[in-house]
Amino acid sequence: WHSYESPLSDPDLIDPDTGFAEYEISMEEIEGTLPEDLVGVLYRNGPGKFGINGERVAHTLDADGLILQIIIPPTEPEECSIDTVMPKEEDEVLLDDDETTPYERKVLFRSKFVETKAFAEERRAQKFLYRGTFGTAITGPDLGGSTRRKNNNNGLNENPS
């Protein structure tokens, strides 16, 4: 498994500290076709950052969490009733001489790491500070005997104090 990061072909696509990315995907870039009635927002929550400063987690579920959002708009702008899928002002773009560009269906992709207190602390320290639930241990001379565990995968839980 690989940490969620930019491909070599586009190194600035994903922010390495926050996991933030936002870009559109045209229908030409998609292999195959999207059904016309496939419209809405898909969220995925799961592991995304598998290490810090060259050190890797022992289990995929010990990784820091990542939230993905994929917005699939309708094939025609007037079919949209959800503003977050396709806001009205984006239905057409005015050009010089009052010309308009036709509506083009594009998928919007967004992502971000789940920024819990443990995530922020480990990012600042550039090392693991908490034991993982599934086997990732703290390493190095300053172990400190911490039995605290981190849970960065669901976006809701914080570390117990």
N, C-alpha and C. Protein backbone atom coordinates (compact mmCIF):
# COMPACT_ATOMS: atom_id res chain seq x y z
N TRP A 1 0.83 -1.18 0.00
CA TRP A 1 0.00 0.00 0.00
C TRP A 1 0.87 1.23 0.00
N HIS A 2 0.39 2.24 -0.66
CA HIS A 2 1.14 3.48 -0.82
C HIS A 2 0.38 4.63 -0.18
N SER A 3 1.13 5.56 0.39
CA SER A 3 0.49 6.76 0.92
C SER A 3 -0.12 7.54 -0.22
N TYR A 4 -1.20 8.21 0.09
CA TYR A 4 -1.90 9.06 -0.87
C TYR A 4 -1.02 10.26 -1.15
N GLU A 5 -0.50 10.34 -2.36
CA GLU A 5 0.39 11.44 -2.71
C GLU A 5 0.32 11.71 -4.21
N SER A 6 0.89 12.81 -4.60
CA SER A 6 0.87 13.21 -6.01
C SER A 6 1.65 12.23 -6.87
N PRO A 7 1.17 12.00 -8.09
CA PRO A 7 1.96 11.19 -9.03
C PRO A 7 3.17 12.00 -9.51
N LEU A 8 4.19 11.32 -9.96
CA LEU A 8 5.39 12.00 -10.44
C LEU A 8 5.08 12.93 -11.61
N SER A 9 4.07 12.57 -12.39
CA SER A 9 3.71 13.39 -13.56
C SER A 9 3.06 14.73 -13.17
N ASP A 10 2.55 14.85 -11.94
CA ASP A 10 1.91 16.08 -11.47
C ASP A 10 2.19 16.25 -9.98
N PRO A 11 3.43 16.64 -9.61
CA PRO A 11 3.83 16.65 -8.21
C PRO A 11 3.07 17.61 -7.31
N ASP A 12 2.38 18.60 -7.87
CA ASP A 12 1.64 19.56 -7.05
C ASP A 12 0.15 19.23 -6.95
N LEU A 13 -0.27 18.08 -7.44
CA LEU A 13 -1.69 17.73 -7.46
C LEU A 13 -2.27 17.59 -6.05
N ILE A 14 -1.53 16.96 -5.14
CA ILE A 14 -2.02 16.67 -3.80
C ILE A 14 -1.08 17.31 -2.77
N ASP A 15 -1.63 18.06 -1.82
CA ASP A 15 -0.82 18.65 -0.75
C ASP A 15 -0.34 17.53 0.17
N PRO A 16 0.99 17.34 0.32
CA PRO A 16 1.48 16.21 1.11
C PRO A 16 1.19 16.30 2.61
N ASP A 17 0.97 17.52 3.13
CA ASP A 17 0.69 17.66 4.56
C ASP A 17 -0.77 17.46 4.91
N THR A 18 -1.68 17.94 4.05
CA THR A 18 -3.11 17.89 4.36
C THR A 18 -3.87 16.86 3.54
N GLY A 19 -3.26 16.37 2.45
CA GLY A 19 -3.96 15.46 1.56
C GLY A 19 -4.98 16.15 0.69
N PHE A 20 -5.01 17.49 0.74
CA PHE A 20 -6.01 18.23 -0.03
C PHE A 20 -5.72 18.15 -1.52
N ALA A 21 -6.76 17.84 -2.26
CA ALA A 21 -6.71 17.86 -3.72
C ALA A 21 -8.11 18.22 -4.21
N GLU A 22 -8.17 18.91 -5.33
CA GLU A 22 -9.46 19.22 -5.96
C GLU A 22 -9.21 19.38 -7.44
N TYR A 23 -9.89 18.59 -8.23
CA TYR A 23 -9.75 18.71 -9.68
C TYR A 23 -10.96 18.11 -10.38
N GLU A 24 -11.14 18.54 -11.63
CA GLU A 24 -12.23 18.03 -12.45
C GLU A 24 -11.71 16.94 -13.37
N ILE A 25 -12.59 16.00 -13.68
CA ILE A 25 -12.25 14.91 -14.60
C ILE A 25 -13.28 14.96 -15.72
N SER A 26 -12.82 15.19 -16.94
CA SER A 26 -13.74 15.26 -18.08
C SER A 26 -14.17 13.85 -18.48
N MET A 27 -15.24 13.77 -19.21
CA MET A 27 -15.75 12.46 -19.66
C MET A 27 -14.74 11.77 -20.57
N GLU A 28 -13.94 12.54 -21.30
CA GLU A 28 -12.93 11.95 -22.18
C GLU A 28 -11.82 11.24 -21.39
N GLU A 29 -11.58 11.68 -20.15
CA GLU A 29 -10.53 11.09 -19.33
C GLU A 29 -10.97 9.79 -18.64
N ILE A 30 -12.26 9.52 -18.65
CA ILE A 30 -12.81 8.34 -17.98
C ILE A 30 -12.84 7.17 -18.95
N GLU A 31 -12.31 6.04 -18.51
CA GLU A 31 -12.38 4.83 -19.34
C GLU A 31 -13.80 4.29 -19.25
N GLY A 32 -14.39 3.99 -20.38
CA GLY A 32 -15.77 3.53 -20.40
C GLY A 32 -16.71 4.72 -20.37
N THR A 33 -17.96 4.49 -19.93
CA THR A 33 -18.95 5.57 -19.87
C THR A 33 -19.65 5.55 -18.53
N LEU A 34 -20.06 6.73 -18.09
CA LEU A 34 -20.87 6.84 -16.88
C LEU A 34 -22.33 6.78 -17.30
N PRO A 35 -23.15 5.97 -16.66
CA PRO A 35 -24.58 5.97 -16.98
C PRO A 35 -25.17 7.37 -16.78
N GLU A 36 -26.10 7.76 -17.65
CA GLU A 36 -26.70 9.08 -17.56
C GLU A 36 -27.41 9.31 -16.23
N ASP A 37 -27.97 8.24 -15.64
CA ASP A 37 -28.71 8.41 -14.40
C ASP A 37 -27.82 8.24 -13.15
N LEU A 38 -26.51 8.11 -13.34
CA LEU A 38 -25.59 8.06 -12.21
C LEU A 38 -25.23 9.51 -11.84
N VAL A 39 -25.90 10.03 -10.82
CA VAL A 39 -25.76 11.42 -10.39
C VAL A 39 -25.72 11.44 -8.87
N GLY A 40 -24.84 12.26 -8.31
CA GLY A 40 -24.82 12.40 -6.86
C GLY A 40 -23.43 12.61 -6.31
N VAL A 41 -23.30 12.37 -5.00
CA VAL A 41 -22.04 12.57 -4.30
C VAL A 41 -21.67 11.28 -3.59
N LEU A 42 -20.44 10.84 -3.81
CA LEU A 42 -19.91 9.64 -3.17
C LEU A 42 -18.81 10.05 -2.21
N TYR A 43 -18.88 9.57 -0.98
CA TYR A 43 -17.82 9.79 0.00
C TYR A 43 -17.15 8.46 0.30
N ARG A 44 -15.85 8.49 0.43
CA ARG A 44 -15.10 7.31 0.85
C ARG A 44 -14.22 7.72 2.02
N ASN A 45 -14.24 6.90 3.06
CA ASN A 45 -13.46 7.15 4.26
C ASN A 45 -12.59 5.93 4.50
N GLY A 46 -11.29 6.11 4.60
CA GLY A 46 -10.42 4.98 4.85
C GLY A 46 -8.99 5.41 5.03
N PRO A 47 -8.08 4.46 5.11
CA PRO A 47 -6.67 4.81 5.32
C PRO A 47 -6.09 5.53 4.11
N GLY A 48 -5.16 6.45 4.38
CA GLY A 48 -4.58 7.21 3.27
C GLY A 48 -3.13 7.59 3.44
N LYS A 49 -2.67 7.73 4.68
CA LYS A 49 -1.27 8.10 4.92
C LYS A 49 -0.63 7.01 5.75
N PHE A 50 0.30 6.27 5.14
CA PHE A 50 0.82 5.05 5.74
C PHE A 50 2.17 5.20 6.41
N GLY A 51 2.60 6.40 6.65
CA GLY A 51 3.89 6.57 7.31
C GLY A 51 4.25 8.02 7.52
N ILE A 52 5.33 8.20 8.28
CA ILE A 52 5.85 9.53 8.57
C ILE A 52 7.37 9.47 8.45
N ASN A 53 7.91 10.39 7.66
CA ASN A 53 9.36 10.55 7.60
C ASN A 53 10.09 9.24 7.32
N GLY A 54 9.55 8.43 6.42
CA GLY A 54 10.19 7.16 6.04
C GLY A 54 9.80 5.97 6.90
N GLU A 55 9.12 6.19 8.01
CA GLU A 55 8.68 5.09 8.87
C GLU A 55 7.26 4.70 8.47
N ARG A 56 7.00 3.38 8.35
CA ARG A 56 5.70 2.90 7.85
C ARG A 56 4.88 2.26 8.96
N VAL A 57 3.57 2.32 8.82
CA VAL A 57 2.68 1.63 9.75
C VAL A 57 2.80 0.12 9.51
N ALA A 58 2.51 -0.67 10.56
CA ALA A 58 2.60 -2.13 10.45
C ALA A 58 1.35 -2.73 9.83
N HIS A 59 0.24 -2.02 9.87
CA HIS A 59 -1.04 -2.52 9.35
C HIS A 59 -1.75 -1.38 8.63
N THR A 60 -2.42 -1.69 7.54
CA THR A 60 -3.09 -0.64 6.75
C THR A 60 -4.09 0.17 7.58
N LEU A 61 -4.76 -0.47 8.53
CA LEU A 61 -5.77 0.26 9.31
C LEU A 61 -5.17 1.13 10.41
N ASP A 62 -3.85 1.10 10.59
CA ASP A 62 -3.18 2.03 11.49
C ASP A 62 -2.84 3.34 10.78
N ALA A 63 -3.07 3.41 9.50
CA ALA A 63 -2.75 4.60 8.73
C ALA A 63 -3.68 5.76 9.11
N ASP A 64 -3.22 6.96 8.81
CA ASP A 64 -4.07 8.13 9.03
C ASP A 64 -5.19 8.13 8.01
N GLY A 65 -6.36 8.60 8.44
CA GLY A 65 -7.55 8.55 7.61
C GLY A 65 -7.56 9.58 6.49
N LEU A 66 -8.30 9.25 5.45
CA LEU A 66 -8.44 10.10 4.27
C LEU A 66 -9.90 10.08 3.85
N ILE A 67 -10.45 11.25 3.61
CA ILE A 67 -11.82 11.38 3.12
C ILE A 67 -11.76 11.78 1.64
N LEU A 68 -12.46 11.04 0.80
CA LEU A 68 -12.57 11.36 -0.62
C LEU A 68 -14.00 11.76 -0.93
N GLN A 69 -14.18 12.73 -1.79
CA GLN A 69 -15.51 13.14 -2.24
C GLN A 69 -15.49 13.15 -3.76
N ILE A 70 -16.45 12.46 -4.36
CA ILE A 70 -16.59 12.45 -5.82
C ILE A 70 -17.99 12.94 -6.15
N ILE A 71 -18.06 14.03 -6.90
CA ILE A 71 -19.34 14.62 -7.27
C ILE A 71 -19.59 14.33 -8.74
N ILE A 72 -20.70 13.63 -9.00
CA ILE A 72 -21.06 13.28 -10.37
C ILE A 72 -22.32 14.07 -10.74
N PRO A 73 -22.18 15.05 -11.64
CA PRO A 73 -23.32 15.88 -12.01
C PRO A 73 -24.22 15.19 -13.04
N PRO A 74 -25.40 15.74 -13.26
CA PRO A 74 -26.29 15.18 -14.29
C PRO A 74 -25.76 15.47 -15.69
N THR A 75 -26.32 14.79 -16.67
CA THR A 75 -25.88 15.00 -18.06
C THR A 75 -26.34 16.35 -18.60
N GLU A 76 -27.43 16.88 -18.09
CA GLU A 76 -27.95 18.18 -18.50
C GLU A 76 -28.08 19.07 -17.27
N PRO A 77 -27.69 20.35 -17.34
CA PRO A 77 -27.72 21.21 -16.15
C PRO A 77 -29.11 21.42 -15.57
N GLU A 78 -30.16 21.44 -16.40
CA GLU A 78 -31.51 21.66 -15.86
C GLU A 78 -32.03 20.47 -15.07
N GLU A 79 -31.37 19.31 -15.19
CA GLU A 79 -31.79 18.13 -14.43
C GLU A 79 -31.35 18.20 -12.98
N CYS A 80 -30.49 19.16 -12.65
CA CYS A 80 -29.90 19.22 -11.33
C CYS A 80 -30.83 19.88 -10.33
N SER A 81 -31.02 19.22 -9.20
CA SER A 81 -31.81 19.83 -8.13
C SER A 81 -30.98 19.98 -6.86
N ILE A 82 -29.75 19.52 -6.87
CA ILE A 82 -28.88 19.62 -5.71
C ILE A 82 -27.79 20.64 -6.02
N ASP A 83 -27.81 21.78 -5.34
CA ASP A 83 -26.87 22.85 -5.63
C ASP A 83 -25.42 22.43 -5.46
N THR A 84 -25.15 21.51 -4.54
CA THR A 84 -23.75 21.10 -4.33
C THR A 84 -23.24 20.23 -5.46
N VAL A 85 -24.14 19.61 -6.22
CA VAL A 85 -23.71 18.80 -7.36
C VAL A 85 -23.42 19.69 -8.55
N MET A 86 -24.28 20.64 -8.84
CA MET A 86 -24.05 21.53 -9.97
C MET A 86 -24.74 22.87 -9.69
N PRO A 87 -24.02 23.84 -9.14
CA PRO A 87 -24.63 25.14 -8.87
C PRO A 87 -25.15 25.79 -10.15
N LYS A 88 -26.24 26.52 -10.04
CA LYS A 88 -26.89 27.13 -11.19
C LYS A 88 -25.97 28.07 -11.96
N GLU A 89 -25.15 28.87 -11.27
CA GLU A 89 -24.32 29.83 -11.98
C GLU A 89 -23.25 29.17 -12.84
N GLU A 90 -23.03 27.88 -12.69
CA GLU A 90 -22.06 27.17 -13.51
C GLU A 90 -22.70 26.50 -14.73
N ASP A 91 -24.01 26.69 -14.93
CA ASP A 91 -24.68 26.06 -16.05
C ASP A 91 -24.08 26.50 -17.38
N GLU A 92 -23.72 27.76 -17.50
CA GLU A 92 -23.07 28.24 -18.71
C GLU A 92 -22.16 29.39 -18.33
N VAL A 93 -21.16 29.62 -19.15
CA VAL A 93 -20.18 30.66 -18.89
C VAL A 93 -20.32 31.71 -19.98
N LEU A 94 -20.50 32.97 -19.60
CA LEU A 94 -20.62 34.05 -20.59
C LEU A 94 -19.25 34.40 -21.14
N LEU A 95 -19.19 34.54 -22.46
CA LEU A 95 -17.96 34.94 -23.13
C LEU A 95 -18.16 36.32 -23.74
N ASP A 96 -17.12 36.81 -24.44
CA ASP A 96 -17.26 38.09 -25.13
C ASP A 96 -18.40 38.02 -26.13
N ASP A 97 -19.02 39.15 -26.39
CA ASP A 97 -20.11 39.26 -27.36
C ASP A 97 -21.31 38.39 -26.99
N ASP A 98 -21.54 38.17 -25.70
CA ASP A 98 -22.68 37.41 -25.18
C ASP A 98 -22.77 35.97 -25.69
N GLU A 99 -21.66 35.40 -26.13
CA GLU A 99 -21.66 33.99 -26.52
C GLU A 99 -21.63 33.13 -25.25
N THR A 100 -22.09 31.92 -25.35
CA THR A 100 -22.03 31.01 -24.21
C THR A 100 -21.35 29.71 -24.62
N THR A 101 -20.76 29.06 -23.64
CA THR A 101 -20.18 27.75 -23.90
C THR A 101 -21.21 26.71 -23.47
N PRO A 102 -21.28 25.62 -24.17
CA PRO A 102 -22.24 24.58 -23.78
C PRO A 102 -21.83 23.91 -22.47
N TYR A 103 -22.82 23.42 -21.79
CA TYR A 103 -22.58 22.69 -20.54
C TYR A 103 -21.78 21.43 -20.84
N GLU A 104 -20.76 21.16 -20.03
CA GLU A 104 -19.96 19.94 -20.18
C GLU A 104 -19.98 19.19 -18.85
N ARG A 105 -20.42 17.96 -18.88
CA ARG A 105 -20.47 17.12 -17.67
C ARG A 105 -19.05 16.76 -17.27
N LYS A 106 -18.66 17.12 -16.05
CA LYS A 106 -17.35 16.78 -15.50
C LYS A 106 -17.53 16.28 -14.08
N VAL A 107 -16.74 15.30 -13.71
CA VAL A 107 -16.75 14.77 -12.35
C VAL A 107 -15.79 15.61 -11.52
N LEU A 108 -16.20 15.98 -10.31
CA LEU A 108 -15.34 16.74 -9.41
C LEU A 108 -14.82 15.81 -8.32
N PHE A 109 -13.51 15.85 -8.10
CA PHE A 109 -12.86 15.03 -7.08
C PHE A 109 -12.24 15.93 -6.03
N ARG A 110 -12.46 15.60 -4.74
CA ARG A 110 -11.84 16.32 -3.62
C ARG A 110 -11.34 15.30 -2.60
N SER A 111 -10.29 15.69 -1.86
CA SER A 111 -9.79 14.81 -0.81
C SER A 111 -9.13 15.63 0.29
N LYS A 112 -9.01 15.00 1.48
CA LYS A 112 -8.34 15.64 2.61
C LYS A 112 -8.09 14.58 3.68
N PHE A 113 -6.92 14.65 4.34
CA PHE A 113 -6.66 13.77 5.47
C PHE A 113 -7.55 14.17 6.64
N VAL A 114 -7.92 13.20 7.47
CA VAL A 114 -8.69 13.48 8.69
C VAL A 114 -7.70 14.08 9.68
N GLU A 115 -7.91 15.34 10.04
CA GLU A 115 -6.94 16.04 10.89
C GLU A 115 -7.35 15.98 12.36
N THR A 116 -7.03 14.86 13.00
CA THR A 116 -7.26 14.74 14.43
C THR A 116 -6.10 15.37 15.19
N LYS A 117 -6.23 15.44 16.49
CA LYS A 117 -5.16 15.97 17.33
C LYS A 117 -3.89 15.13 17.14
N ALA A 118 -4.00 13.81 17.13
CA ALA A 118 -2.84 12.92 16.96
C ALA A 118 -2.18 13.12 15.61
N PHE A 119 -2.98 13.29 14.56
CA PHE A 119 -2.43 13.53 13.22
C PHE A 119 -1.57 14.79 13.23
N ALA A 120 -2.09 15.88 13.80
CA ALA A 120 -1.37 17.15 13.83
C ALA A 120 -0.09 17.04 14.66
N GLU A 121 -0.17 16.37 15.80
CA GLU A 121 1.01 16.21 16.65
C GLU A 121 2.09 15.39 15.96
N GLU A 122 1.71 14.29 15.31
CA GLU A 122 2.70 13.46 14.62
C GLU A 122 3.27 14.18 13.40
N ARG A 123 2.46 14.97 12.74
CA ARG A 123 2.96 15.73 11.59
C ARG A 123 4.01 16.75 12.05
N ARG A 124 3.74 17.43 13.18
CA ARG A 124 4.72 18.40 13.71
C ARG A 124 6.00 17.70 14.15
N ALA A 125 5.87 16.55 14.82
CA ALA A 125 7.04 15.83 15.35
C ALA A 125 7.79 15.05 14.26
N GLN A 126 7.13 14.80 13.13
CA GLN A 126 7.70 14.01 12.04
C GLN A 126 8.10 12.60 12.48
N LYS A 127 7.27 12.02 13.37
CA LYS A 127 7.48 10.64 13.82
C LYS A 127 6.19 10.15 14.48
N PHE A 128 6.10 8.82 14.66
CA PHE A 128 4.95 8.25 15.36
C PHE A 128 5.04 8.59 16.84
N LEU A 129 3.95 9.07 17.40
CA LEU A 129 3.88 9.38 18.82
C LEU A 129 2.90 8.47 19.54
N TYR A 130 2.04 7.79 18.79
CA TYR A 130 0.99 6.95 19.37
C TYR A 130 1.03 5.56 18.77
N ARG A 131 0.66 4.61 19.58
CA ARG A 131 0.56 3.22 19.14
C ARG A 131 -0.66 3.06 18.24
N GLY A 132 -0.52 2.28 17.20
CA GLY A 132 -1.66 1.98 16.35
C GLY A 132 -2.50 0.87 16.95
N THR A 133 -3.75 0.81 16.60
CA THR A 133 -4.66 -0.20 17.12
C THR A 133 -4.28 -1.60 16.65
N PHE A 134 -3.72 -1.71 15.45
CA PHE A 134 -3.48 -3.02 14.86
C PHE A 134 -2.01 -3.43 14.81
N GLY A 135 -1.15 -2.81 15.59
CA GLY A 135 0.22 -3.30 15.69
C GLY A 135 1.33 -2.33 15.44
N THR A 136 1.05 -1.12 14.99
CA THR A 136 2.13 -0.16 14.77
C THR A 136 2.58 0.37 16.12
N ALA A 137 3.86 0.15 16.44
CA ALA A 137 4.42 0.58 17.73
C ALA A 137 5.23 1.85 17.57
N ILE A 138 5.40 2.55 18.66
CA ILE A 138 6.26 3.72 18.68
C ILE A 138 7.69 3.21 18.69
N THR A 139 8.58 3.82 17.92
CA THR A 139 9.97 3.38 17.87
C THR A 139 10.89 4.52 18.29
N GLY A 140 12.12 4.19 18.57
CA GLY A 140 13.12 5.19 18.90
C GLY A 140 13.39 5.28 20.39
N PRO A 141 14.36 6.12 20.79
CA PRO A 141 14.79 6.21 22.17
C PRO A 141 13.78 6.87 23.11
N ASP A 142 12.86 7.67 22.58
CA ASP A 142 11.92 8.40 23.44
C ASP A 142 10.53 7.78 23.40
N LEU A 143 10.46 6.47 23.67
CA LEU A 143 9.17 5.77 23.62
C LEU A 143 8.21 6.30 24.68
N GLY A 144 8.70 6.60 25.85
CA GLY A 144 7.87 7.19 26.89
C GLY A 144 6.81 6.27 27.45
N GLY A 145 6.76 5.04 27.05
CA GLY A 145 5.79 4.08 27.59
C GLY A 145 4.36 4.42 27.27
N SER A 146 4.10 5.18 26.23
CA SER A 146 2.73 5.58 25.89
C SER A 146 1.89 4.38 25.50
N THR A 147 0.74 4.29 26.12
CA THR A 147 -0.22 3.25 25.73
C THR A 147 -1.38 3.87 24.98
N ARG A 148 -1.31 5.18 24.76
CA ARG A 148 -2.37 5.85 24.01
C ARG A 148 -2.38 5.35 22.59
N ARG A 149 -3.56 5.19 22.06
CA ARG A 149 -3.71 4.74 20.68
C ARG A 149 -4.32 5.84 19.87
N LYS A 150 -4.01 5.83 18.61
CA LYS A 150 -4.65 6.80 17.74
C LYS A 150 -5.68 6.09 16.88
N ASN A 151 -6.73 6.82 16.54
CA ASN A 151 -7.74 6.32 15.62
C ASN A 151 -8.06 7.45 14.67
N ASN A 152 -7.40 7.44 13.52
CA ASN A 152 -7.58 8.53 12.56
C ASN A 152 -8.45 8.13 11.39
N ASN A 153 -9.10 6.98 11.43
CA ASN A 153 -9.77 6.52 10.22
C ASN A 153 -11.22 6.89 10.08
N ASN A 154 -11.91 7.31 11.15
CA ASN A 154 -13.33 7.55 10.94
C ASN A 154 -13.74 9.01 10.96
N GLY A 155 -12.81 9.90 11.21
CA GLY A 155 -13.14 11.32 11.16
C GLY A 155 -13.92 11.80 12.36
N LEU A 156 -14.23 10.93 13.32
CA LEU A 156 -15.01 11.33 14.48
C LEU A 156 -14.25 11.23 15.80
N ASN A 157 -13.50 10.15 15.99
CA ASN A 157 -12.84 9.91 17.27
C ASN A 157 -11.58 10.73 17.42
N GLU A 158 -11.35 11.19 18.64
CA GLU A 158 -10.10 11.82 19.01
C GLU A 158 -9.40 10.90 19.98
N ASN A 159 -8.12 11.13 20.20
CA ASN A 159 -7.36 10.31 21.15
C ASN A 159 -7.82 10.59 22.56
N PRO A 160 -7.89 9.56 23.41
CA PRO A 160 -8.20 9.83 24.81
C PRO A 160 -7.01 10.54 25.45
N SER A 161 -7.26 11.40 26.41
CA SER A 161 -6.16 12.13 27.07
C SER A 161 -5.47 11.29 28.10
